[in-house]
Amino acid sequence: MDTPSFRISVGRSLGNHRILLHSKLRDLRMITPNKFISFAESSLGHAEKVYAAVEQPISLGELYKKTSASIGSIELFLYAIEILHLSNALHVNLTTGIVSRC
């Protein structure tokens, strides 16, 4: 059985508490907006930017170049691609690396 790994993240909060986060879930706080993360800064907001940039079929590399200035990091770009792919808004051909709207 695979044992999940954990990472300790220390942050300033009400009590400056240490929070244990599963390593695979530590960045999920960026997906949805809350009172600290605006919609535009969340992965959902970045997904909107990526979707708007796919006007015709485009390679993943070209799509990243087109949206990197507004998104900022490759991790947030990949979260946006995953959100759009899982919600059937975009089709990602894993063989050719071409992204198109569904």
PDB file of N, CA and C in Angstrom:
ATOM      1  N   MET A   1       0.838  -1.183   0.000  1.00  0.00           N
ATOM      2  CA  MET A   1       0.000   0.000   0.000  1.00  0.00           C
ATOM      3  C   MET A   1       0.884   1.249   0.000  1.00  0.00           C
ATOM      4  N   ASP A   2       0.546   2.195  -0.824  1.00  0.00           N
ATOM      5  CA  ASP A   2       1.319   3.410  -0.950  1.00  0.00           C
ATOM      6  C   ASP A   2       0.994   4.358   0.198  1.00  0.00           C
ATOM      7  N   THR A   3       1.988   4.799   0.919  1.00  0.00           N
ATOM      8  CA  THR A   3       1.787   5.723   2.024  1.00  0.00           C
ATOM      9  C   THR A   3       1.932   7.142   1.518  1.00  0.00           C
ATOM     10  N   PRO A   4       0.915   8.005   1.762  1.00  0.00           N
ATOM     11  CA  PRO A   4       1.025   9.381   1.290  1.00  0.00           C
ATOM     12  C   PRO A   4       2.101  10.141   2.052  1.00  0.00           C
ATOM     13  N   SER A   5       2.784  11.031   1.366  1.00  0.00           N
ATOM     14  CA  SER A   5       3.785  11.859   2.022  1.00  0.00           C
ATOM     15  C   SER A   5       3.138  13.159   2.475  1.00  0.00           C
ATOM     16  N   PHE A   6       3.670  13.724   3.523  1.00  0.00           N
ATOM     17  CA  PHE A   6       3.122  14.959   4.064  1.00  0.00           C
ATOM     18  C   PHE A   6       4.206  16.016   4.115  1.00  0.00           C
ATOM     19  N   ARG A   7       3.798  17.236   4.068  1.00  0.00           N
ATOM     20  CA  ARG A   7       4.718  18.356   4.124  1.00  0.00           C
ATOM     21  C   ARG A   7       4.170  19.351   5.137  1.00  0.00           C
ATOM     22  N   ILE A   8       5.037  19.957   5.891  1.00  0.00           N
ATOM     23  CA  ILE A   8       4.608  20.962   6.854  1.00  0.00           C
ATOM     24  C   ILE A   8       4.765  22.327   6.219  1.00  0.00           C
ATOM     25  N   SER A   9       3.710  23.096   6.272  1.00  0.00           N
ATOM     26  CA  SER A   9       3.727  24.440   5.735  1.00  0.00           C
ATOM     27  C   SER A   9       3.491  25.404   6.896  1.00  0.00           C
ATOM     28  N   VAL A  10       4.388  26.336   7.076  1.00  0.00           N
ATOM     29  CA  VAL A  10       4.240  27.307   8.153  1.00  0.00           C
ATOM     30  C   VAL A  10       3.789  28.604   7.531  1.00  0.00           C
ATOM     31  N   GLY A  11       2.691  29.119   8.018  1.00  0.00           N
ATOM     32  CA  GLY A  11       2.174  30.361   7.471  1.00  0.00           C
ATOM     33  C   GLY A  11       1.682  31.271   8.566  1.00  0.00           C
ATOM     34  N   ARG A  12       1.529  32.516   8.240  1.00  0.00           N
ATOM     35  CA  ARG A  12       0.992  33.461   9.202  1.00  0.00           C
ATOM     36  C   ARG A  12      -0.515  33.423   9.090  1.00  0.00           C
ATOM     37  N   SER A  13      -1.149  33.015  10.134  1.00  0.00           N
ATOM     38  CA  SER A  13      -2.597  33.022  10.194  1.00  0.00           C
ATOM     39  C   SER A  13      -2.967  33.556  11.568  1.00  0.00           C
ATOM     40  N   LEU A  14      -4.181  33.325  11.988  1.00  0.00           N
ATOM     41  CA  LEU A  14      -4.631  33.870  13.264  1.00  0.00           C
ATOM     42  C   LEU A  14      -3.716  33.475  14.417  1.00  0.00           C
ATOM     43  N   GLY A  15      -3.279  32.242  14.451  1.00  0.00           N
ATOM     44  CA  GLY A  15      -2.429  31.805  15.545  1.00  0.00           C
ATOM     45  C   GLY A  15      -1.042  31.400  15.101  1.00  0.00           C
ATOM     46  N   ASN A  16      -0.668  31.689  13.857  1.00  0.00           N
ATOM     47  CA  ASN A  16       0.606  31.273  13.300  1.00  0.00           C
ATOM     48  C   ASN A  16       0.816  29.773  13.513  1.00  0.00           C
ATOM     49  N   HIS A  17      -0.251  28.996  13.246  1.00  0.00           N
ATOM     50  CA  HIS A  17      -0.231  27.555  13.443  1.00  0.00           C
ATOM     51  C   HIS A  17       0.472  26.853  12.301  1.00  0.00           C
ATOM     52  N   ARG A  18       1.037  25.706  12.620  1.00  0.00           N
ATOM     53  CA  ARG A  18       1.581  24.841  11.577  1.00  0.00           C
ATOM     54  C   ARG A  18       0.449  23.995  11.044  1.00  0.00           C
ATOM     55  N   ILE A  19       0.382  23.877   9.726  1.00  0.00           N
ATOM     56  CA  ILE A  19      -0.694  23.143   9.084  1.00  0.00           C
ATOM     57  C   ILE A  19      -0.089  21.995   8.296  1.00  0.00           C
ATOM     58  N   LEU A  20      -0.579  20.786   8.525  1.00  0.00           N
ATOM     59  CA  LEU A  20      -0.143  19.635   7.742  1.00  0.00           C
ATOM     60  C   LEU A  20      -0.986  19.557   6.484  1.00  0.00           C
ATOM     61  N   LEU A  21      -0.327  19.524   5.354  1.00  0.00           N
ATOM     62  CA  LEU A  21      -1.029  19.417   4.078  1.00  0.00           C
ATOM     63  C   LEU A  21      -0.472  18.241   3.306  1.00  0.00           C
ATOM     64  N   HIS A  22      -1.346  17.474   2.697  1.00  0.00           N
ATOM     65  CA  HIS A  22      -0.920  16.388   1.827  1.00  0.00           C
ATOM     66  C   HIS A  22      -0.168  17.006   0.660  1.00  0.00           C
ATOM     67  N   SER A  23       0.944  16.432   0.285  1.00  0.00           N
ATOM     68  CA  SER A  23       1.789  17.040  -0.744  1.00  0.00           C
ATOM     69  C   SER A  23       1.055  17.243  -2.058  1.00  0.00           C
ATOM     70  N   LYS A  24       0.129  16.353  -2.393  1.00  0.00           N
ATOM     71  CA  LYS A  24      -0.597  16.495  -3.656  1.00  0.00           C
ATOM     72  C   LYS A  24      -1.712  17.520  -3.554  1.00  0.00           C
ATOM     73  N   LEU A  25      -2.116  17.889  -2.350  1.00  0.00           N
ATOM     74  CA  LEU A  25      -3.223  18.815  -2.184  1.00  0.00           C
ATOM     75  C   LEU A  25      -2.788  20.183  -1.681  1.00  0.00           C
ATOM     76  N   ARG A  26      -1.494  20.416  -1.515  1.00  0.00           N
ATOM     77  CA  ARG A  26      -1.037  21.638  -0.875  1.00  0.00           C
ATOM     78  C   ARG A  26      -1.359  22.888  -1.681  1.00  0.00           C
ATOM     79  N   ASP A  27      -1.472  22.802  -2.997  1.00  0.00           N
ATOM     80  CA  ASP A  27      -1.742  23.975  -3.815  1.00  0.00           C
ATOM     81  C   ASP A  27      -3.200  24.088  -4.243  1.00  0.00           C
ATOM     82  N   LEU A  28      -4.058  23.193  -3.785  1.00  0.00           N
ATOM     83  CA  LEU A  28      -5.457  23.262  -4.188  1.00  0.00           C
ATOM     84  C   LEU A  28      -6.150  24.507  -3.655  1.00  0.00           C
ATOM     85  N   ARG A  29      -5.568  25.135  -2.648  1.00  0.00           N
ATOM     86  CA  ARG A  29      -6.165  26.360  -2.127  1.00  0.00           C
ATOM     87  C   ARG A  29      -6.191  27.456  -3.188  1.00  0.00           C
ATOM     88  N   MET A  30      -5.390  27.296  -4.246  1.00  0.00           N
ATOM     89  CA  MET A  30      -5.360  28.283  -5.324  1.00  0.00           C
ATOM     90  C   MET A  30      -6.478  28.082  -6.343  1.00  0.00           C
ATOM     91  N   ILE A  31      -7.162  26.950  -6.292  1.00  0.00           N
ATOM     92  CA  ILE A  31      -8.149  26.659  -7.320  1.00  0.00           C
ATOM     93  C   ILE A  31      -9.378  27.547  -7.197  1.00  0.00           C
ATOM     94  N   THR A  32      -9.906  27.663  -6.008  1.00  0.00           N
ATOM     95  CA  THR A  32     -11.137  28.423  -5.844  1.00  0.00           C
ATOM     96  C   THR A  32     -10.877  29.758  -5.168  1.00  0.00           C
ATOM     97  N   PRO A  33     -11.597  30.779  -5.569  1.00  0.00           N
ATOM     98  CA  PRO A  33     -11.427  32.079  -4.918  1.00  0.00           C
ATOM     99  C   PRO A  33     -11.967  32.038  -3.492  1.00  0.00           C
ATOM    100  N   ASN A  34     -11.403  32.866  -2.650  1.00  0.00           N
ATOM    101  CA  ASN A  34     -11.907  33.024  -1.288  1.00  0.00           C
ATOM    102  C   ASN A  34     -11.674  34.468  -0.876  1.00  0.00           C
ATOM    103  N   LYS A  35     -11.722  34.765   0.407  1.00  0.00           N
ATOM    104  CA  LYS A  35     -11.579  36.164   0.799  1.00  0.00           C
ATOM    105  C   LYS A  35     -10.142  36.668   0.667  1.00  0.00           C
ATOM    106  N   PHE A  36      -9.179  35.780   0.472  1.00  0.00           N
ATOM    107  CA  PHE A  36      -7.789  36.185   0.294  1.00  0.00           C
ATOM    108  C   PHE A  36      -7.327  36.090  -1.153  1.00  0.00           C
ATOM    109  N   ILE A  37      -7.938  35.202  -1.932  1.00  0.00           N
ATOM    110  CA  ILE A  37      -7.567  34.986  -3.332  1.00  0.00           C
ATOM    111  C   ILE A  37      -8.734  35.399  -4.216  1.00  0.00           C
ATOM    112  N   SER A  38      -8.518  36.413  -5.046  1.00  0.00           N
ATOM    113  CA  SER A  38      -9.588  36.875  -5.930  1.00  0.00           C
ATOM    114  C   SER A  38      -9.848  35.848  -7.027  1.00  0.00           C
ATOM    115  N   PHE A  39     -10.984  35.987  -7.701  1.00  0.00           N
ATOM    116  CA  PHE A  39     -11.307  35.076  -8.801  1.00  0.00           C
ATOM    117  C   PHE A  39     -10.221  35.123  -9.869  1.00  0.00           C
ATOM    118  N   ALA A  40      -9.752  36.317 -10.195  1.00  0.00           N
ATOM    119  CA  ALA A  40      -8.736  36.469 -11.249  1.00  0.00           C
ATOM    120  C   ALA A  40      -7.422  35.784 -10.885  1.00  0.00           C
ATOM    121  N   GLU A  41      -7.090  35.705  -9.590  1.00  0.00           N
ATOM    122  CA  GLU A  41      -5.846  35.072  -9.147  1.00  0.00           C
ATOM    123  C   GLU A  41      -5.990  33.566  -8.940  1.00  0.00           C
ATOM    124  N   SER A  42      -7.213  33.061  -8.936  1.00  0.00           N
ATOM    125  CA  SER A  42      -7.441  31.637  -8.696  1.00  0.00           C
ATOM    126  C   SER A  42      -7.239  30.840  -9.978  1.00  0.00           C
ATOM    127  N   SER A  43      -7.140  29.540  -9.836  1.00  0.00           N
ATOM    128  CA  SER A  43      -6.986  28.679 -11.014  1.00  0.00           C
ATOM    129  C   SER A  43      -8.215  28.757 -11.909  1.00  0.00           C
ATOM    130  N   LEU A  44      -9.377  28.978 -11.321  1.00  0.00           N
ATOM    131  CA  LEU A  44     -10.583  29.136 -12.141  1.00  0.00           C
ATOM    132  C   LEU A  44     -10.504  30.397 -12.995  1.00  0.00           C
ATOM    133  N   GLY A  45      -9.966  31.462 -12.446  1.00  0.00           N
ATOM    134  CA  GLY A  45      -9.778  32.691 -13.217  1.00  0.00           C
ATOM    135  C   GLY A  45      -8.757  32.511 -14.327  1.00  0.00           C
ATOM    136  N   HIS A  46      -7.700  31.763 -14.036  1.00  0.00           N
ATOM    137  CA  HIS A  46      -6.693  31.484 -15.065  1.00  0.00           C
ATOM    138  C   HIS A  46      -7.266  30.574 -16.145  1.00  0.00           C
ATOM    139  N   ALA A  47      -8.154  29.664 -15.767  1.00  0.00           N
ATOM    140  CA  ALA A  47      -8.794  28.788 -16.752  1.00  0.00           C
ATOM    141  C   ALA A  47      -9.596  29.620 -17.754  1.00  0.00           C
ATOM    142  N   GLU A  48     -10.233  30.662 -17.268  1.00  0.00           N
ATOM    143  CA  GLU A  48     -10.992  31.548 -18.159  1.00  0.00           C
ATOM    144  C   GLU A  48     -10.065  32.210 -19.184  1.00  0.00           C
ATOM    145  N   LYS A  49      -8.877  32.626 -18.737  1.00  0.00           N
ATOM    146  CA  LYS A  49      -7.900  33.258 -19.640  1.00  0.00           C
ATOM    147  C   LYS A  49      -7.388  32.270 -20.679  1.00  0.00           C
ATOM    148  N   VAL A  50      -7.110  31.046 -20.245  1.00  0.00           N
ATOM    149  CA  VAL A  50      -6.606  30.022 -21.162  1.00  0.00           C
ATOM    150  C   VAL A  50      -7.677  29.677 -22.194  1.00  0.00           C
ATOM    151  N   TYR A  51      -8.913  29.501 -21.740  1.00  0.00           N
ATOM    152  CA  TYR A  51      -9.998  29.155 -22.661  1.00  0.00           C
ATOM    153  C   TYR A  51     -10.178  30.250 -23.718  1.00  0.00           C
ATOM    154  N   ALA A  52     -10.111  31.506 -23.301  1.00  0.00           N
ATOM    155  CA  ALA A  52     -10.272  32.614 -24.244  1.00  0.00           C
ATOM    156  C   ALA A  52      -9.140  32.636 -25.276  1.00  0.00           C
ATOM    157  N   ALA A  53      -7.967  32.145 -24.900  1.00  0.00           N
ATOM    158  CA  ALA A  53      -6.816  32.150 -25.807  1.00  0.00           C
ATOM    159  C   ALA A  53      -6.875  31.043 -26.852  1.00  0.00           C
ATOM    160  N   VAL A  54      -7.714  30.038 -26.643  1.00  0.00           N
ATOM    161  CA  VAL A  54      -7.822  28.923 -27.599  1.00  0.00           C
ATOM    162  C   VAL A  54      -8.932  29.259 -28.591  1.00  0.00           C
ATOM    163  N   GLU A  55      -8.572  30.008 -29.618  1.00  0.00           N
ATOM    164  CA  GLU A  55      -9.551  30.374 -30.649  1.00  0.00           C
ATOM    165  C   GLU A  55      -9.601  29.317 -31.742  1.00  0.00           C
ATOM    166  N   GLN A  56      -8.473  28.659 -31.980  1.00  0.00           N
ATOM    167  CA  GLN A  56      -8.345  27.571 -32.947  1.00  0.00           C
ATOM    168  C   GLN A  56      -7.353  26.581 -32.356  1.00  0.00           C
ATOM    169  N   PRO A  57      -7.253  25.362 -32.913  1.00  0.00           N
ATOM    170  CA  PRO A  57      -6.304  24.400 -32.359  1.00  0.00           C
ATOM    171  C   PRO A  57      -4.885  24.986 -32.278  1.00  0.00           C
ATOM    172  N   ILE A  58      -4.232  24.753 -31.130  1.00  0.00           N
ATOM    173  CA  ILE A  58      -2.934  25.355 -30.851  1.00  0.00           C
ATOM    174  C   ILE A  58      -2.110  24.377 -30.014  1.00  0.00           C
ATOM    175  N   SER A  59      -0.800  24.418 -30.151  1.00  0.00           N
ATOM    176  CA  SER A  59       0.050  23.525 -29.354  1.00  0.00           C
ATOM    177  C   SER A  59       0.119  24.040 -27.918  1.00  0.00           C
ATOM    178  N   LEU A  60       0.404  23.130 -26.994  1.00  0.00           N
ATOM    179  CA  LEU A  60       0.519  23.516 -25.585  1.00  0.00           C
ATOM    180  C   LEU A  60       1.601  24.571 -25.387  1.00  0.00           C
ATOM    181  N   GLY A  61       2.722  24.419 -26.077  1.00  0.00           N
ATOM    182  CA  GLY A  61       3.813  25.388 -25.957  1.00  0.00           C
ATOM    183  C   GLY A  61       3.412  26.779 -26.416  1.00  0.00           C
ATOM    184  N   GLU A  62       2.745  26.849 -27.555  1.00  0.00           N
ATOM    185  CA  GLU A  62       2.284  28.139 -28.072  1.00  0.00           C
ATOM    186  C   GLU A  62       1.210  28.748 -27.169  1.00  0.00           C
ATOM    187  N   LEU A  63       0.342  27.906 -26.634  1.00  0.00           N
ATOM    188  CA  LEU A  63      -0.699  28.398 -25.725  1.00  0.00           C
ATOM    189  C   LEU A  63      -0.076  28.961 -24.456  1.00  0.00           C
ATOM    190  N   TYR A  64       0.948  28.290 -23.930  1.00  0.00           N
ATOM    191  CA  TYR A  64       1.627  28.809 -22.739  1.00  0.00           C
ATOM    192  C   TYR A  64       2.298  30.148 -23.038  1.00  0.00           C
ATOM    193  N   LYS A  65       2.975  30.245 -24.189  1.00  0.00           N
ATOM    194  CA  LYS A  65       3.614  31.514 -24.567  1.00  0.00           C
ATOM    195  C   LYS A  65       2.578  32.632 -24.668  1.00  0.00           C
ATOM    196  N   LYS A  66       1.411  32.289 -25.196  1.00  0.00           N
ATOM    197  CA  LYS A  66       0.346  33.274 -25.403  1.00  0.00           C
ATOM    198  C   LYS A  66      -0.255  33.755 -24.080  1.00  0.00           C
ATOM    199  N   THR A  67      -0.279  32.887 -23.071  1.00  0.00           N
ATOM    200  CA  THR A  67      -0.948  33.225 -21.814  1.00  0.00           C
ATOM    201  C   THR A  67       0.007  33.429 -20.633  1.00  0.00           C
ATOM    202  N   SER A  68       1.292  33.191 -20.802  1.00  0.00           N
ATOM    203  CA  SER A  68       2.219  33.234 -19.665  1.00  0.00           C
ATOM    204  C   SER A  68       2.317  34.611 -19.011  1.00  0.00           C
ATOM    205  N   ALA A  69       2.170  35.661 -19.772  1.00  0.00           N
ATOM    206  CA  ALA A  69       2.254  37.002 -19.185  1.00  0.00           C
ATOM    207  C   ALA A  69       1.107  37.266 -18.211  1.00  0.00           C
ATOM    208  N   SER A  70      -0.070  36.743 -18.511  1.00  0.00           N
ATOM    209  CA  SER A  70      -1.214  36.990 -17.634  1.00  0.00           C
ATOM    210  C   SER A  70      -1.358  35.954 -16.528  1.00  0.00           C
ATOM    211  N   ILE A  71      -0.777  34.765 -16.715  1.00  0.00           N
ATOM    212  CA  ILE A  71      -0.906  33.710 -15.703  1.00  0.00           C
ATOM    213  C   ILE A  71       0.290  33.699 -14.768  1.00  0.00           C
ATOM    214  N   GLY A  72       1.479  33.760 -15.294  1.00  0.00           N
ATOM    215  CA  GLY A  72       2.658  33.884 -14.455  1.00  0.00           C
ATOM    216  C   GLY A  72       3.474  32.623 -14.258  1.00  0.00           C
ATOM    217  N   SER A  73       2.875  31.494 -13.937  1.00  0.00           N
ATOM    218  CA  SER A  73       3.678  30.293 -13.676  1.00  0.00           C
ATOM    219  C   SER A  73       3.147  29.104 -14.463  1.00  0.00           C
ATOM    220  N   ILE A  74       4.033  28.182 -14.733  1.00  0.00           N
ATOM    221  CA  ILE A  74       3.656  26.974 -15.464  1.00  0.00           C
ATOM    222  C   ILE A  74       2.693  26.127 -14.645  1.00  0.00           C
ATOM    223  N   GLU A  75       2.836  26.128 -13.316  1.00  0.00           N
ATOM    224  CA  GLU A  75       1.953  25.335 -12.464  1.00  0.00           C
ATOM    225  C   GLU A  75       0.507  25.811 -12.583  1.00  0.00           C
ATOM    226  N   LEU A  76       0.299  27.122 -12.535  1.00  0.00           N
ATOM    227  CA  LEU A  76      -1.060  27.653 -12.659  1.00  0.00           C
ATOM    228  C   LEU A  76      -1.620  27.408 -14.062  1.00  0.00           C
ATOM    229  N   PHE A  77      -0.760  27.476 -15.062  1.00  0.00           N
ATOM    230  CA  PHE A  77      -1.179  27.172 -16.431  1.00  0.00           C
ATOM    231  C   PHE A  77      -1.649  25.721 -16.524  1.00  0.00           C
ATOM    232  N   LEU A  78      -0.893  24.798 -15.935  1.00  0.00           N
ATOM    233  CA  LEU A  78      -1.273  23.383 -15.983  1.00  0.00           C
ATOM    234  C   LEU A  78      -2.545  23.113 -15.189  1.00  0.00           C
ATOM    235  N   TYR A  79      -2.727  23.793 -14.055  1.00  0.00           N
ATOM    236  CA  TYR A  79      -3.994  23.666 -13.320  1.00  0.00           C
ATOM    237  C   TYR A  79      -5.164  24.103 -14.209  1.00  0.00           C
ATOM    238  N   ALA A  80      -4.983  25.213 -14.917  1.00  0.00           N
ATOM    239  CA  ALA A  80      -6.046  25.724 -15.792  1.00  0.00           C
ATOM    240  C   ALA A  80      -6.356  24.729 -16.909  1.00  0.00           C
ATOM    241  N   ILE A  81      -5.310  24.153 -17.513  1.00  0.00           N
ATOM    242  CA  ILE A  81      -5.511  23.155 -18.566  1.00  0.00           C
ATOM    243  C   ILE A  81      -6.272  21.958 -18.008  1.00  0.00           C
ATOM    244  N   GLU A  82      -5.866  21.483 -16.831  1.00  0.00           N
ATOM    245  CA  GLU A  82      -6.542  20.333 -16.217  1.00  0.00           C
ATOM    246  C   GLU A  82      -8.007  20.626 -15.930  1.00  0.00           C
ATOM    247  N   ILE A  83      -8.296  21.795 -15.390  1.00  0.00           N
ATOM    248  CA  ILE A  83      -9.681  22.173 -15.090  1.00  0.00           C
ATOM    249  C   ILE A  83     -10.509  22.165 -16.371  1.00  0.00           C
ATOM    250  N   LEU A  84      -9.994  22.785 -17.419  1.00  0.00           N
ATOM    251  CA  LEU A  84     -10.733  22.864 -18.681  1.00  0.00           C
ATOM    252  C   LEU A  84     -10.872  21.504 -19.345  1.00  0.00           C
ATOM    253  N   HIS A  85      -9.844  20.675 -19.244  1.00  0.00           N
ATOM    254  CA  HIS A  85      -9.906  19.342 -19.839  1.00  0.00           C
ATOM    255  C   HIS A  85     -10.903  18.458 -19.077  1.00  0.00           C
ATOM    256  N   LEU A  86     -10.844  18.501 -17.754  1.00  0.00           N
ATOM    257  CA  LEU A  86     -11.750  17.669 -16.951  1.00  0.00           C
ATOM    258  C   LEU A  86     -13.204  18.116 -17.052  1.00  0.00           C
ATOM    259  N   SER A  87     -13.423  19.382 -17.345  1.00  0.00           N
ATOM    260  CA  SER A  87     -14.799  19.870 -17.502  1.00  0.00           C
ATOM    261  C   SER A  87     -15.272  19.802 -18.953  1.00  0.00           C
ATOM    262  N   ASN A  88     -14.490  19.158 -19.816  1.00  0.00           N
ATOM    263  CA  ASN A  88     -14.815  18.985 -21.241  1.00  0.00           C
ATOM    264  C   ASN A  88     -14.980  20.299 -21.992  1.00  0.00           C
ATOM    265  N   ALA A  89     -14.261  21.315 -21.563  1.00  0.00           N
ATOM    266  CA  ALA A  89     -14.261  22.577 -22.299  1.00  0.00           C
ATOM    267  C   ALA A  89     -13.157  22.574 -23.351  1.00  0.00           C
ATOM    268  N   LEU A  90     -12.048  21.882 -23.051  1.00  0.00           N
ATOM    269  CA  LEU A  90     -10.935  21.754 -23.985  1.00  0.00           C
ATOM    270  C   LEU A  90     -10.606  20.288 -24.198  1.00  0.00           C
ATOM    271  N   HIS A  91     -10.119  19.990 -25.395  1.00  0.00           N
ATOM    272  CA  HIS A  91      -9.605  18.649 -25.683  1.00  0.00           C
ATOM    273  C   HIS A  91      -8.097  18.781 -25.846  1.00  0.00           C
ATOM    274  N   VAL A  92      -7.353  17.964 -25.120  1.00  0.00           N
ATOM    275  CA  VAL A  92      -5.903  17.952 -25.220  1.00  0.00           C
ATOM    276  C   VAL A  92      -5.489  16.621 -25.833  1.00  0.00           C
ATOM    277  N   ASN A  93      -4.925  16.683 -27.033  1.00  0.00           N
ATOM    278  CA  ASN A  93      -4.413  15.488 -27.685  1.00  0.00           C
ATOM    279  C   ASN A  93      -3.029  15.211 -27.114  1.00  0.00           C
ATOM    280  N   LEU A  94      -2.916  14.157 -26.312  1.00  0.00           N
ATOM    281  CA  LEU A  94      -1.665  13.859 -25.633  1.00  0.00           C
ATOM    282  C   LEU A  94      -0.580  13.351 -26.571  1.00  0.00           C
ATOM    283  N   THR A  95      -0.958  12.896 -27.745  1.00  0.00           N
ATOM    284  CA  THR A  95       0.033  12.422 -28.724  1.00  0.00           C
ATOM    285  C   THR A  95       0.690  13.593 -29.435  1.00  0.00           C
ATOM    286  N   THR A  96      -0.120  14.545 -29.878  1.00  0.00           N
ATOM    287  CA  THR A  96       0.418  15.664 -30.655  1.00  0.00           C
ATOM    288  C   THR A  96       0.638  16.922 -29.819  1.00  0.00           C
ATOM    289  N   GLY A  97       0.021  17.014 -28.649  1.00  0.00           N
ATOM    290  CA  GLY A  97       0.149  18.210 -27.811  1.00  0.00           C
ATOM    291  C   GLY A  97      -0.691  19.373 -28.296  1.00  0.00           C
ATOM    292  N   ILE A  98      -1.703  19.060 -29.097  1.00  0.00           N
ATOM    293  CA  ILE A  98      -2.595  20.090 -29.628  1.00  0.00           C
ATOM    294  C   ILE A  98      -3.808  20.256 -28.724  1.00  0.00           C
ATOM    295  N   VAL A  99      -4.141  21.513 -28.428  1.00  0.00           N
ATOM    296  CA  VAL A  99      -5.290  21.845 -27.579  1.00  0.00           C
ATOM    297  C   VAL A  99      -6.345  22.484 -28.473  1.00  0.00           C
ATOM    298  N   SER A 100      -7.591  22.039 -28.313  1.00  0.00           N
ATOM    299  CA  SER A 100      -8.695  22.638 -29.071  1.00  0.00           C
ATOM    300  C   SER A 100      -9.939  22.677 -28.191  1.00  0.00           C
ATOM    301  N   ARG A 101     -10.858  23.542 -28.575  1.00  0.00           N
ATOM    302  CA  ARG A 101     -12.132  23.620 -27.843  1.00  0.00           C
ATOM    303  C   ARG A 101     -12.987  22.429 -28.185  1.00  0.00           C
ATOM    304  N   CYS A 102     -13.772  21.971 -27.223  1.00  0.00           N
ATOM    305  CA  CYS A 102     -14.694  20.845 -27.464  1.00  0.00           C
ATOM    306  C   CYS A 102     -15.936  21.308 -28.172  1.00  0.00           C
TER     307      CYS A 102
END
